[in-house]
């Protein structure tokens, strides 16, 4: 499923809550997992005090020992694990490592050693999610009771679909995981009302036309979801299709995830209206920012086609400028 998974760890129990998910995914094939600990020199962290060589060597030794303990725990579950301690600012060092070592999945917890402060995402997680060029697995550190030494078992996986080929990029990994975990796979399409721009009430003929369009949209949506359910029935143990109508797409997704007790959402980075100018579509951003369930984001735009943001271009053009 994935060839190389990067797992950022910072020696906190919050960050380690991603590990059961890493084992659950890595067990599906010949996957290499790299556990990474980033050490930030005091000068990079904004302190004027130079790095003490002895203290720095001790910190690296402790980081190596910590990652080795985690590696030994994962290897008991037949996971191929490597460890790497790198220097630099956490987000930049991790993104550089992912780019230079052909990482196709970054798996991380929403929070780390800085703790839970009421934000759904910690600072480093926010930066990694925003700038990753590969798939991303985000596990909610504030809503997990998983035992870090045991691979978990997915029971209910949800894939939001909007009728676009982009959104359907999430189906392949979803089927693989559902098959491996004997999980129920839910395909969800939300019909939003079309708000017509009119300064006056609709005429009878316009209202009839709008109603006909709504009926057509509903019929096509049910056919679309049912077709996918039938197509995927041989690739997953149990496939369920749902079409619902809601005024608020994001709220409908959150409500369905809660009501169906979904334990993993798999979604494409973009849908029908997505643009390579932005790393994610608006619906996916909402799920990342406000969701409480682990989410696997599948990139539908190849890294070479992604358009760098203004801030990224400025950083590249003025590297090293204070």
Protein backbone atom coordinates (compact mmCIF):
# COMPACT_ATOMS: atom_id res chain seq x y z
CA UNK A 1 0.00 0.00 0.00
CA UNK A 2 2.80 2.39 0.97
CA UNK A 3 6.52 1.91 0.41
CA UNK A 4 7.98 4.37 2.89
CA UNK A 5 6.20 5.82 5.92
CA UNK A 6 7.75 8.67 7.90
CA UNK A 7 6.72 8.86 11.56
CA UNK A 8 7.75 12.02 13.46
CA UNK A 9 8.19 11.42 17.18
CA UNK A 10 9.24 13.81 19.92
CA UNK A 11 9.46 11.41 22.91
CA UNK A 12 5.93 12.33 24.07
CA UNK A 13 3.11 9.88 24.67
CA UNK A 14 0.83 12.11 22.60
CA UNK A 15 3.00 11.76 19.50
CA UNK A 16 3.22 8.00 20.03
CA UNK A 17 -0.53 7.63 19.62
CA UNK A 18 0.04 7.38 15.89
CA UNK A 19 1.98 4.11 16.27
CA UNK A 20 -0.98 1.66 16.33
CA UNK A 21 -2.15 3.17 13.05
CA UNK A 22 1.32 2.90 11.57
CA UNK A 23 1.40 -0.80 12.41
CA UNK A 24 -2.10 -1.29 11.00
CA UNK A 25 -1.05 0.20 7.65
CA UNK A 26 2.52 -1.07 7.46
CA UNK A 27 1.37 -4.65 7.96
CA UNK A 28 -0.39 -4.63 4.57
CA UNK A 29 2.75 -4.97 2.50
CA UNK A 30 6.50 -4.57 2.14
CA UNK A 31 6.62 -1.19 3.85
CA UNK A 32 9.59 0.59 5.36
CA UNK A 33 8.90 2.77 8.39
CA UNK A 34 11.29 5.50 9.44
CA UNK A 35 10.93 6.81 12.98
CA UNK A 36 12.34 10.32 13.12
CA UNK A 37 13.32 12.58 15.99
CA UNK A 38 14.27 16.15 15.20
CA UNK A 39 16.72 17.93 17.50
CA UNK A 40 16.58 21.69 17.28
CA UNK A 41 19.81 23.51 18.19
CA UNK A 42 19.23 26.34 20.69
CA UNK A 43 20.31 28.96 18.17
CA UNK A 44 17.63 27.79 15.71
CA UNK A 45 15.04 27.88 18.48
CA UNK A 46 15.74 31.59 19.00
CA UNK A 47 18.22 31.36 21.86
CA UNK A 48 21.49 33.26 21.60
CA UNK A 49 23.39 30.70 23.67
CA UNK A 50 25.61 28.51 21.48
CA UNK A 51 25.06 24.76 21.53
CA UNK A 52 27.14 22.98 24.15
CA UNK A 53 28.93 20.10 22.35
CA UNK A 54 28.69 17.71 25.29
CA UNK A 55 25.02 18.42 25.91
CA UNK A 56 24.34 18.04 22.18
CA UNK A 57 26.02 14.64 22.00
CA UNK A 58 24.07 13.54 25.07
CA UNK A 59 20.82 14.72 23.49
CA UNK A 60 21.56 12.76 20.31
CA UNK A 61 22.43 9.66 22.32
CA UNK A 62 19.15 9.91 24.24
CA UNK A 63 17.20 10.45 21.02
CA UNK A 64 18.83 7.40 19.41
CA UNK A 65 18.06 5.28 22.46
CA UNK A 66 14.44 6.45 22.51
CA UNK A 67 13.88 5.64 18.82
CA UNK A 68 15.58 2.26 19.27
CA UNK A 69 13.11 1.34 22.01
CA UNK A 70 10.18 2.22 19.79
CA UNK A 71 11.74 0.33 16.88
CA UNK A 72 12.14 -2.83 18.95
CA UNK A 73 8.48 -2.62 19.98
CA UNK A 74 7.30 -2.28 16.38
CA UNK A 75 9.57 -5.04 15.10
CA UNK A 76 7.80 -7.55 17.32
CA UNK A 77 4.83 -7.00 14.98
CA UNK A 78 6.89 -7.70 11.84
CA UNK A 79 7.22 -4.06 10.83
CA UNK A 80 10.40 -3.04 8.95
CA UNK A 81 11.68 -0.08 10.96
CA UNK A 82 14.55 2.36 10.58
CA UNK A 83 15.42 5.26 12.86
CA UNK A 84 16.89 8.64 12.09
CA UNK A 85 17.83 11.59 14.29
CA UNK A 86 18.08 14.82 12.30
CA UNK A 87 19.03 18.37 13.19
CA UNK A 88 17.07 21.50 12.35
CA UNK A 89 13.70 23.10 12.86
CA UNK A 90 11.14 20.29 13.16
CA UNK A 91 8.73 20.99 10.28
CA UNK A 92 11.42 22.00 7.78
CA UNK A 93 13.68 19.07 8.66
CA UNK A 94 10.83 16.56 8.37
CA UNK A 95 9.55 17.91 5.05
CA UNK A 96 13.08 17.90 3.64
CA UNK A 97 13.61 14.31 4.78
CA UNK A 98 10.31 13.24 3.25
CA UNK A 99 11.21 14.86 -0.07
CA UNK A 100 14.76 13.48 -0.20
CA UNK A 101 13.88 9.90 0.82
CA UNK A 102 10.83 9.18 -1.35
CA UNK A 103 8.40 9.13 1.56
CA UNK A 104 4.88 8.44 0.30
CA UNK A 105 3.10 8.74 3.66
CA UNK A 106 3.72 10.96 6.67
CA UNK A 107 1.94 9.49 9.70
CA UNK A 108 1.70 11.75 12.72
CA UNK A 109 -0.31 12.66 15.77
CA UNK A 110 -2.07 15.99 16.00
CA UNK A 111 -0.07 17.01 19.07
CA UNK A 112 3.26 16.29 20.69
CA UNK A 113 5.35 17.34 23.63
CA UNK A 114 3.93 20.88 23.68
CA UNK A 115 0.72 19.25 24.92
CA UNK A 116 -2.96 19.88 24.38
CA UNK A 117 -3.86 23.55 24.41
CA UNK A 118 -7.37 23.54 22.99
CA UNK A 119 -6.25 23.56 19.35
CA UNK A 120 -7.20 20.66 17.10
CA UNK A 121 -3.70 20.69 15.59
CA UNK A 122 -0.34 21.47 17.11
CA UNK A 123 2.11 23.84 15.43
CA UNK A 124 4.37 21.26 13.79
CA UNK A 125 1.42 19.13 12.66
CA UNK A 126 -0.20 22.16 11.06
CA UNK A 127 2.94 22.93 9.07
CA UNK A 128 3.43 19.32 7.97
CA UNK A 129 -0.18 18.96 6.88
CA UNK A 130 -0.06 22.26 5.00
CA UNK A 131 3.14 21.58 3.07
CA UNK A 132 3.39 17.81 2.64
CA UNK A 133 3.64 16.65 -0.96
CA UNK A 134 2.71 13.07 -0.11
CA UNK A 135 -0.23 11.36 1.59
CA UNK A 136 -0.78 12.26 5.23
CA UNK A 137 -2.25 10.26 8.10
CA UNK A 138 -3.35 12.47 10.99
CA UNK A 139 -4.30 10.82 14.29
CA UNK A 140 -6.09 12.85 16.93
CA UNK A 141 -3.91 12.74 20.02
CA UNK A 142 -6.69 14.22 22.15
CA UNK A 143 -9.18 11.48 21.30
CA UNK A 144 -7.14 8.29 21.39
CA UNK A 145 -6.93 5.60 24.04
CA UNK A 146 -4.89 3.25 21.89
CA UNK A 147 -2.17 1.11 23.36
CA UNK A 148 0.98 2.22 21.55
CA UNK A 149 2.36 -1.34 21.62
CA UNK A 150 -0.57 -2.95 19.81
CA UNK A 151 -1.71 -2.55 16.18
CA UNK A 152 -5.33 -1.53 16.05
CA UNK A 153 -8.18 -2.98 14.04
CA UNK A 154 -10.32 -0.73 11.85
CA UNK A 155 -14.02 -1.54 11.91
CA UNK A 156 -15.67 1.34 10.02
CA UNK A 157 -14.01 3.31 7.24
CA UNK A 158 -15.69 6.23 5.50
CA UNK A 159 -14.90 7.75 2.09
CA UNK A 160 -16.65 11.02 1.13
CA UNK A 161 -17.44 11.15 -2.60
CA UNK A 162 -18.65 14.12 -4.64
CA UNK A 163 -18.91 12.44 -8.02
CA UNK A 164 -15.44 13.48 -9.18
CA UNK A 165 -12.55 11.27 -10.28
CA UNK A 166 -10.36 13.18 -7.82
CA UNK A 167 -12.44 12.17 -4.82
CA UNK A 168 -12.37 8.57 -6.03
CA UNK A 169 -8.58 8.48 -5.53
CA UNK A 170 -9.37 7.56 -1.92
CA UNK A 171 -11.18 4.36 -2.90
CA UNK A 172 -8.13 2.19 -3.64
CA UNK A 173 -6.44 2.55 -0.21
CA UNK A 174 -9.85 2.39 1.47
CA UNK A 175 -10.59 -0.96 -0.16
CA UNK A 176 -7.18 -2.31 0.78
CA UNK A 177 -7.60 -1.39 4.42
CA UNK A 178 -11.21 -2.54 4.57
CA UNK A 179 -10.25 -5.90 3.08
CA UNK A 180 -7.26 -6.35 5.40
CA UNK A 181 -9.20 -5.40 8.52
CA UNK A 182 -12.53 -6.98 7.55
CA UNK A 183 -14.00 -3.53 8.02
CA UNK A 184 -17.25 -1.96 6.89
CA UNK A 185 -16.68 0.58 4.10
CA UNK A 186 -19.06 3.53 3.92
CA UNK A 187 -19.38 5.64 0.76
CA UNK A 188 -21.06 8.96 1.44
CA UNK A 189 -22.38 11.59 -0.95
CA UNK A 190 -23.99 14.77 0.36
CA UNK A 191 -26.48 16.66 -1.80
CA UNK A 192 -26.37 20.37 -1.11
CA UNK A 193 -29.23 22.67 -2.11
CA UNK A 194 -28.55 24.92 -5.08
CA UNK A 195 -29.19 28.50 -4.05
CA UNK A 196 -30.54 30.40 -7.00
CA UNK A 197 -29.62 34.05 -7.36
CA UNK A 198 -32.91 35.90 -7.69
CA UNK A 199 -34.05 39.22 -6.27
CA UNK A 200 -37.68 38.17 -6.58
CA UNK A 201 -39.60 34.96 -5.87
CA UNK A 202 -39.30 32.31 -8.57
CA UNK A 203 -41.98 32.11 -11.15
CA UNK A 204 -43.99 28.92 -11.37
CA UNK A 205 -42.03 27.74 -14.39
CA UNK A 206 -38.67 28.54 -12.75
CA UNK A 207 -39.70 26.76 -9.56
CA UNK A 208 -40.72 23.72 -11.58
CA UNK A 209 -37.40 23.76 -13.41
CA UNK A 210 -35.50 24.01 -10.09
CA UNK A 211 -37.49 21.11 -8.67
CA UNK A 212 -36.80 19.02 -11.77
CA UNK A 213 -33.08 19.73 -11.46
CA UNK A 214 -33.13 18.70 -7.79
CA UNK A 215 -34.92 15.46 -8.67
CA UNK A 216 -32.38 14.75 -11.42
CA UNK A 217 -29.47 15.47 -9.07
CA UNK A 218 -30.91 13.15 -6.42
CA UNK A 219 -31.54 10.33 -8.89
CA UNK A 220 -28.05 10.59 -10.39
CA UNK A 221 -26.44 10.72 -6.94
CA UNK A 222 -28.18 7.53 -5.82
CA UNK A 223 -27.20 5.80 -9.08
CA UNK A 224 -23.60 6.99 -8.71
CA UNK A 225 -23.24 5.69 -5.16
CA UNK A 226 -25.05 2.42 -5.85
CA UNK A 227 -22.82 1.78 -8.88
CA UNK A 228 -19.71 2.18 -6.75
CA UNK A 229 -21.13 -0.04 -4.02
CA UNK A 230 -21.75 -2.82 -6.55
CA UNK A 231 -18.31 -2.34 -8.10
CA UNK A 232 -16.52 -2.50 -4.76
CA UNK A 233 -18.44 -5.37 -3.19
CA UNK A 234 -15.74 -7.79 -4.35
CA UNK A 235 -12.95 -5.63 -2.89
CA UNK A 236 -14.28 -5.07 0.62
CA UNK A 237 -16.22 -7.28 3.06
CA UNK A 238 -19.16 -4.90 3.58
CA UNK A 239 -19.82 -1.81 1.46
CA UNK A 240 -22.54 0.66 2.39
CA UNK A 241 -23.69 3.59 0.28
CA UNK A 242 -25.41 6.64 1.69
CA UNK A 243 -26.84 9.72 -0.01
CA UNK A 244 -28.05 12.47 2.27
CA UNK A 245 -29.31 16.02 1.76
CA UNK A 246 -27.94 18.80 3.92
CA UNK A 247 -27.57 22.56 3.87
CA UNK A 248 -24.06 22.31 5.34
CA UNK A 249 -21.76 19.76 3.71
CA UNK A 250 -19.06 19.82 6.38
CA UNK A 251 -21.57 19.57 9.24
CA UNK A 252 -23.24 16.60 7.51
CA UNK A 253 -19.90 14.82 7.22
CA UNK A 254 -19.03 15.39 10.88
CA UNK A 255 -22.48 14.23 11.97
CA UNK A 256 -22.34 11.07 9.86
CA UNK A 257 -18.85 10.24 11.11
CA UNK A 258 -20.08 10.51 14.70
CA UNK A 259 -23.38 8.68 14.18
CA UNK A 260 -21.81 5.77 12.29
CA UNK A 261 -18.91 5.57 14.77
CA UNK A 262 -16.36 5.82 11.97
CA UNK A 263 -12.83 5.07 13.16
CA UNK A 264 -10.99 6.14 9.99
CA UNK A 265 -11.83 8.68 7.29
CA UNK A 266 -10.03 8.35 3.96
CA UNK A 267 -10.44 11.34 1.70
CA UNK A 268 -8.87 12.84 -1.39
CA UNK A 269 -7.04 16.15 -0.98
CA UNK A 270 -9.31 17.73 -3.58
CA UNK A 271 -12.75 17.15 -4.99
CA UNK A 272 -14.61 18.36 -8.04
CA UNK A 273 -13.85 22.03 -7.42
CA UNK A 274 -10.31 21.58 -6.08
CA UNK A 275 -7.34 23.44 -7.55
CA UNK A 276 -3.64 22.61 -7.56
CA UNK A 277 -3.10 26.17 -6.35
CA UNK A 278 -4.21 25.07 -2.89
CA UNK A 279 -2.95 21.97 -1.04
CA UNK A 280 -6.50 20.93 -0.06
CA UNK A 281 -10.10 21.63 -0.92
CA UNK A 282 -12.33 23.47 1.54
CA UNK A 283 -14.19 20.36 2.71
CA UNK A 284 -10.98 18.46 3.41
CA UNK A 285 -9.57 21.47 5.27
CA UNK A 286 -12.63 21.46 7.50
CA UNK A 287 -12.22 17.76 8.27
CA UNK A 288 -8.55 18.30 9.12
CA UNK A 289 -9.10 21.38 11.24
CA UNK A 290 -12.23 20.35 13.12
CA UNK A 291 -12.49 16.58 12.93
CA UNK A 292 -12.05 14.24 15.87
CA UNK A 293 -11.43 11.03 13.90
CA UNK A 294 -8.16 9.83 12.35
CA UNK A 295 -8.00 10.86 8.70
CA UNK A 296 -5.90 9.58 5.83
CA UNK A 297 -5.49 12.22 3.12
CA UNK A 298 -4.75 10.85 -0.35
CA UNK A 299 -3.02 13.20 -2.76
CA UNK A 300 -4.81 13.44 -6.09
CA UNK A 301 -2.35 15.95 -7.58
CA UNK A 302 1.19 14.67 -8.35
CA UNK A 303 3.89 16.54 -6.41
CA UNK A 304 5.41 17.88 -9.63
CA UNK A 305 2.10 19.55 -10.52
CA UNK A 306 1.57 21.22 -7.16
CA UNK A 307 1.86 25.00 -7.29
CA UNK A 308 4.03 26.50 -4.57
CA UNK A 309 2.42 29.15 -2.40
CA UNK A 310 3.64 32.74 -2.39
CA UNK A 311 5.29 32.17 1.00
CA UNK A 312 7.08 29.03 -0.26
CA UNK A 313 8.37 30.82 -3.36
CA UNK A 314 9.56 33.75 -1.28
CA UNK A 315 11.40 31.43 1.11
CA UNK A 316 13.16 29.72 -1.80
CA UNK A 317 14.13 33.02 -3.46
CA UNK A 318 15.41 34.61 -0.26
CA UNK A 319 16.83 31.58 1.55
CA UNK A 320 18.93 32.61 4.52
CA UNK A 321 17.60 36.19 4.65
CA UNK A 322 16.60 37.39 8.09
